Protein backbone atom coordinates (compact mmCIF):
# COMPACT_ATOMS: atom_id res chain seq x y z
CA MET A 1 0.81 -34.57 21.43
CA ASP A 2 -2.57 -33.54 22.68
CA MET A 3 -5.02 -30.87 21.55
CA ASN A 4 -3.43 -28.06 23.59
CA ASP A 5 -0.07 -28.65 21.91
CA LEU A 6 -1.70 -28.38 18.49
CA ARG A 7 -3.41 -25.14 19.51
CA ALA A 8 -0.14 -23.68 20.77
CA LEU A 9 1.67 -24.74 17.58
CA SER A 10 -1.02 -23.24 15.35
CA THR A 11 -0.92 -19.99 17.33
CA VAL A 12 2.84 -19.74 16.91
CA LEU A 13 2.60 -20.49 13.18
CA MET A 14 -0.09 -17.86 12.67
CA PHE A 15 1.96 -15.28 14.57
CA VAL A 16 5.06 -16.03 12.48
CA THR A 17 2.96 -15.76 9.31
CA PHE A 18 1.57 -12.42 10.49
CA LEU A 19 5.05 -11.07 11.18
CA GLY A 20 6.22 -12.29 7.78
CA ILE A 21 3.41 -10.48 5.98
CA ILE A 22 4.10 -7.28 7.90
CA ALA A 23 7.83 -7.48 7.13
CA TRP A 24 7.12 -8.18 3.44
CA THR A 25 4.87 -5.14 3.06
CA VAL A 26 7.04 -2.74 5.06
CA ILE A 27 10.44 -3.74 3.71
CA GLY A 28 9.68 -4.93 0.19
CA GLY A 29 6.69 -2.83 -0.80
CA ARG A 30 7.91 0.63 0.12
CA ASP A 31 9.86 1.42 -3.06
CA ARG A 32 7.68 -0.59 -5.37
CA PHE A 33 4.48 1.30 -4.56
CA ARG A 34 5.89 4.81 -4.11
CA ASP A 35 4.97 5.88 -7.66
CA ALA A 36 1.48 4.46 -7.35
CA ALA A 37 0.94 6.28 -4.06
CA ASN A 38 1.73 9.62 -5.71
CA LEU A 39 -0.59 9.18 -8.72
CA PRO A 40 -3.48 11.24 -7.27
CA PHE A 41 -1.16 14.24 -6.92
CA LEU A 42 0.32 14.28 -10.44
CA ASP A 43 -2.46 16.31 -12.13
CA ASP A 44 -3.12 18.57 -9.17
CA ASP A 45 -2.06 21.74 -11.06
CA GLU A 46 -4.34 21.00 -14.02
CA THR A 47 -7.51 20.40 -12.03
CA SER A 48 -7.14 23.37 -9.70
CA LYS A 49 -7.18 25.94 -12.54
CA PRO A 50 -10.41 27.54 -13.77
CA GLU A 51 -12.10 25.98 -16.81
CA GLU A 52 -11.28 28.82 -19.24
CA THR A 53 -7.57 28.66 -18.38
CA ARG A 54 -7.51 24.94 -19.18
CA GLN A 55 -9.25 25.56 -22.51
CA GLU A 56 -6.76 28.30 -23.44
CA LYS A 57 -3.87 26.01 -22.67
CA ALA A 58 -5.34 23.21 -24.82
CA SER A 59 -5.71 25.53 -27.83
């Protein structure tokens, strides 16, 4: 086994690792992070109202 064989083997291993990471994030992470992805939109109604309307609602 010479140096070119080691380079080819390392390239193949890195490519397989890359594909594994992509598959893990696309397949496994979709449902797990759906709630976290929607967090910025949860309080959208509260922040878009004028200040006096928010104070009246808090009272």
